[in-house]
Protein backbone atom coordinates (compact mmCIF):
# COMPACT_ATOMS: atom_id res chain seq x y z
CA MET A 1 22.59 19.91 -23.52
CA ARG A 2 20.97 19.59 -20.67
CA THR A 3 21.08 17.17 -17.81
CA THR A 4 18.27 15.12 -16.47
CA TYR A 5 16.77 16.44 -13.31
CA MET A 6 17.23 14.46 -10.20
CA ALA A 7 15.23 14.81 -7.40
CA LYS A 8 16.66 15.79 -4.16
CA PRO A 9 15.75 14.37 -1.15
CA ASN A 10 14.90 17.60 1.49
CA GLU A 11 13.29 19.07 -2.41
CA VAL A 12 10.11 16.99 -2.25
CA ASP A 13 7.18 18.07 -0.95
CA ARG A 14 4.94 15.90 0.62
CA LYS A 15 0.74 15.06 0.02
CA TRP A 16 -1.60 12.70 2.51
CA TYR A 17 -4.47 11.05 -0.18
CA VAL A 18 -7.38 8.84 1.44
CA ILE A 19 -8.70 6.48 -0.35
CA ASP A 20 -11.57 4.56 -0.34
CA ALA A 21 -11.12 0.42 0.05
CA GLU A 22 -15.25 -0.02 0.08
CA ASN A 23 -16.15 -2.39 -3.02
CA GLN A 24 -12.20 -2.10 -4.90
CA VAL A 25 -10.37 -4.82 -6.37
CA LEU A 26 -7.10 -6.10 -4.34
CA GLY A 27 -4.78 -5.89 -6.90
CA ARG A 28 -5.59 -2.46 -8.84
CA LEU A 29 -5.70 -0.26 -6.02
CA ALA A 30 -2.92 -2.56 -4.87
CA ALA A 31 -1.22 -1.22 -7.41
CA GLU A 32 -2.53 2.66 -7.67
CA VAL A 33 -1.46 2.55 -3.89
CA ALA A 34 2.28 1.38 -5.11
CA HIS A 35 1.89 3.81 -7.96
CA VAL A 36 1.87 7.23 -4.99
CA LEU A 37 4.23 5.82 -2.87
CA ARG A 38 6.44 5.63 -4.86
CA GLY A 39 5.85 9.23 -6.78
CA LYS A 40 5.43 8.17 -10.18
CA HIS A 41 2.60 10.63 -10.25
CA LYS A 42 4.62 13.13 -10.10
CA PRO A 43 7.46 15.05 -12.52
CA GLN A 44 10.14 14.61 -10.64
CA PHE A 45 9.94 10.92 -9.81
CA THR A 46 13.57 9.61 -9.78
CA PRO A 47 13.82 5.91 -8.69
CA HIS A 48 16.30 6.51 -6.08
CA VAL A 49 14.69 8.74 -4.50
CA ASP A 50 11.80 8.87 -1.69
CA THR A 51 9.56 11.14 -3.54
CA GLY A 52 6.45 9.54 -3.32
CA ASP A 53 3.67 10.75 -0.46
CA PHE A 54 1.79 9.02 2.13
CA VAL A 55 -1.42 6.96 1.51
CA ILE A 56 -3.86 6.24 4.36
CA ILE A 57 -6.86 3.76 2.79
CA ILE A 58 -9.91 3.29 4.98
CA ASN A 59 -12.70 1.19 5.18
CA ALA A 60 -10.21 -2.45 4.55
CA GLU A 61 -12.82 -5.02 5.56
CA LYS A 62 -14.72 -4.05 2.44
CA ILE A 63 -11.95 -5.26 0.18
CA ARG A 64 -12.95 -7.71 -3.03
CA LEU A 65 -11.48 -10.30 -4.80
CA THR A 66 -11.59 -11.46 -7.74
CA GLY A 67 -13.53 -15.00 -8.98
CA ASN A 68 -12.77 -17.85 -6.44
CA LYS A 69 -9.56 -15.97 -4.97
CA ILE A 70 -10.97 -15.38 -1.94
CA LYS A 71 -11.92 -19.08 -0.84
CA GLN A 72 -8.19 -20.56 -3.17
CA LYS A 73 -5.91 -18.18 -2.29
CA MET A 74 -3.91 -18.85 0.53
CA LEU A 75 -1.72 -16.09 2.72
CA TYR A 76 1.24 -17.99 3.93
CA LYS A 77 3.61 -16.72 6.53
CA HIS A 78 7.01 -18.83 8.08
CA THR A 79 7.72 -18.68 12.26
CA GLY A 80 11.01 -19.44 11.99
CA TYR A 81 11.63 -23.28 12.89
CA PRO A 82 11.76 -26.20 11.18
CA GLY A 83 7.91 -26.78 10.79
CA GLY A 84 6.79 -23.71 11.11
CA ILE A 85 4.78 -22.24 8.06
CA LYS A 86 1.17 -21.22 9.17
CA SER A 87 -1.77 -20.62 6.37
CA MET A 88 -4.97 -19.60 6.30
CA ASP A 89 -6.72 -18.63 3.02
CA TYR A 90 -8.15 -14.35 2.02
CA ASN A 91 -11.67 -15.38 3.42
CA THR A 92 -11.04 -15.36 6.79
CA ALA A 93 -7.58 -12.99 6.72
CA ILE A 94 -9.90 -10.72 5.04
CA ARG A 95 -11.98 -11.25 8.52
CA SER A 96 -9.64 -11.20 11.17
CA LYS A 97 -6.81 -8.48 9.97
CA PRO A 98 -7.65 -6.69 6.53
CA GLU A 99 -4.96 -4.65 7.44
CA LYS A 100 -2.33 -6.97 6.60
CA VAL A 101 -4.28 -8.41 3.50
CA ILE A 102 -4.08 -4.88 1.54
CA HIS A 103 0.22 -4.29 3.18
CA LYS A 104 0.62 -7.71 1.57
CA ALA A 105 -0.52 -7.03 -0.88
CA VAL A 106 1.73 -3.00 -1.68
CA LYS A 107 4.12 -4.22 -0.56
CA GLY A 108 5.29 -7.14 -2.91
CA MET A 109 4.51 -4.14 -6.00
CA ILE A 110 7.21 -1.59 -4.21
CA PRO A 111 10.86 -2.14 -4.00
CA HIS A 112 12.66 -4.84 -2.63
CA ASN A 113 14.94 -2.50 -1.11
CA ARG A 114 15.87 -0.09 1.80
CA LEU A 115 13.81 2.04 -0.02
CA GLY A 116 10.85 0.13 -0.47
CA ASP A 117 11.07 -0.58 3.26
CA ARG A 118 10.73 3.65 3.29
CA LEU A 119 7.98 3.46 1.43
CA ALA A 120 6.07 0.76 2.94
CA LYS A 121 6.45 3.08 6.27
CA LYS A 122 4.00 5.69 4.45
CA LEU A 123 1.08 3.57 3.84
CA LYS A 124 -2.02 3.59 6.85
CA VAL A 125 -4.63 1.11 6.37
CA TYR A 126 -6.98 1.33 8.79
CA ARG A 127 -10.33 -0.94 9.13
CA GLY A 128 -13.16 1.14 9.20
CA PRO A 129 -14.05 5.08 8.10
CA GLU A 130 -12.17 6.77 10.86
CA HIS A 131 -8.68 7.30 10.41
CA PRO A 132 -6.42 9.23 13.40
CA HIS A 133 -4.57 11.60 10.99
CA GLN A 134 -6.79 14.80 10.27
CA ALA A 135 -4.00 16.88 11.04
CA GLN A 136 -2.49 16.24 7.61
CA ASN A 137 -5.59 17.47 5.70
CA PRO A 138 -5.76 14.32 3.56
CA GLU A 139 -7.54 14.66 -0.07
CA VAL A 140 -9.43 12.53 -1.35
CA TRP A 141 -8.03 9.98 -4.30
CA LYS A 142 -10.14 8.32 -6.71
CA VAL A 143 -8.91 4.99 -7.80
């Protein structure tokens, strides 16, 4: 009888991928990015080990939402004080902070624990087509 292979954290080799968000639907892009960050595209995927890769998203301001979500969906945050809830629609949020919109969508699709916090740190989102990670030789990931 064979035992199940469990990846060790020091055995994982990490790659860097670039994803262009231009004309991509937010939810579909976030699901694909969460898949890569988690490492589910690798044969040595282990649920309790960070086996994922780094992801760089460029052109974040050119992301799309389908239907009327751009006007009707709201982005909420709370200051921590009574009555301190702040909200803005996604149209305003994408114009002012497109990085935060994508980061929040991806964060909602990865585990909500310490492992998820480590995975979220491997996501880099940039507004324009330029990014400062050329030294890592990132590969293009087709969505």
